[in-house]
Amino acid sequence: MTTQSTQSEVLRLKQAAHHCGFSTTTLWRLEQTDSLFPRKIKFSSRVCGFRRIDLDNYLAQKAQVEI
């Protein structure tokens, strides 16, 4: 896997939750309440995902704030 394909990789809801270490409920709650949390990408009425790079940037930003 190249760097470019990793950056543009889209994770489905369960994959995104696992990647971040959150439950799917927490992922949904963060999207609703945290203005800095990345917005999901809707592909259809039943399919959505999050860009991996957006999630990584969010987690890095949160880690810096907590230090």
Protein backbone atom coordinates (compact mmCIF):
# COMPACT_ATOMS: atom_id res chain seq x y z
CA MET A 1 0.00 0.00 0.00
CA THR A 2 1.45 3.35 -0.98
CA THR A 3 1.36 6.50 1.10
CA GLN A 4 -1.10 8.17 -1.24
CA SER A 5 -3.59 5.29 -1.10
CA THR A 6 -3.33 5.25 2.71
CA GLN A 7 -4.07 8.97 2.89
CA SER A 8 -7.17 8.70 0.74
CA GLU A 9 -8.40 5.49 2.35
CA VAL A 10 -12.00 5.63 3.54
CA LEU A 11 -12.96 3.60 6.60
CA ARG A 12 -16.50 2.37 7.18
CA LEU A 13 -18.11 3.12 10.54
CA LYS A 14 -16.92 -0.01 12.40
CA GLN A 15 -13.44 0.26 10.89
CA ALA A 16 -13.23 3.95 11.85
CA ALA A 17 -14.33 3.21 15.42
CA HIS A 18 -11.75 0.42 15.71
CA HIS A 19 -9.03 2.66 14.19
CA CYS A 20 -9.72 5.38 16.78
CA GLY A 21 -10.26 3.03 19.70
CA PHE A 22 -13.88 4.21 20.16
CA SER A 23 -17.19 2.44 20.10
CA THR A 24 -19.49 3.19 17.17
CA THR A 25 -21.76 5.05 19.61
CA THR A 26 -18.89 7.28 20.73
CA LEU A 27 -17.97 7.93 17.12
CA TRP A 28 -21.54 9.04 16.41
CA ARG A 29 -21.62 11.18 19.59
CA LEU A 30 -18.35 12.92 18.72
CA GLU A 31 -19.64 13.71 15.25
CA GLN A 32 -22.73 15.30 16.81
CA THR A 33 -21.04 17.25 19.62
CA ASP A 34 -17.40 17.98 18.69
CA SER A 35 -17.06 20.62 15.99
CA LEU A 36 -13.47 19.52 15.29
CA PHE A 37 -14.40 15.89 14.64
CA PRO A 38 -14.28 14.98 10.93
CA ARG A 39 -17.60 14.69 9.15
CA LYS A 40 -18.58 11.43 7.58
CA ILE A 41 -18.75 10.96 3.84
CA LYS A 42 -22.10 9.63 2.62
CA PHE A 43 -21.92 7.29 -0.35
CA SER A 44 -25.60 6.33 -0.28
CA SER A 45 -28.51 6.41 2.14
CA ARG A 46 -27.07 3.42 4.02
CA VAL A 47 -23.31 3.66 3.42
CA CYS A 48 -20.95 6.22 4.92
CA GLY A 49 -17.33 6.41 5.96
CA PHE A 50 -14.53 8.57 7.29
CA ARG A 51 -11.24 9.43 5.64
CA ARG A 52 -8.39 7.81 7.59
CA ILE A 53 -6.20 10.91 7.29
CA ASP A 54 -8.95 13.09 8.81
CA LEU A 55 -9.29 10.72 11.76
CA ASP A 56 -5.51 10.60 12.24
CA ASN A 57 -5.31 14.41 12.20
CA TYR A 58 -8.15 14.66 14.74
CA LEU A 59 -6.48 12.17 17.09
CA ALA A 60 -3.12 13.94 16.79
CA GLN A 61 -4.75 17.29 17.51
CA LYS A 62 -6.52 15.90 20.58
CA ALA A 63 -3.28 14.32 21.82
CA GLN A 64 -1.50 17.69 21.60
CA VAL A 65 -4.25 19.43 23.56
CA GLU A 66 -4.07 16.84 26.36
CA ILE A 67 -0.29 17.15 26.80
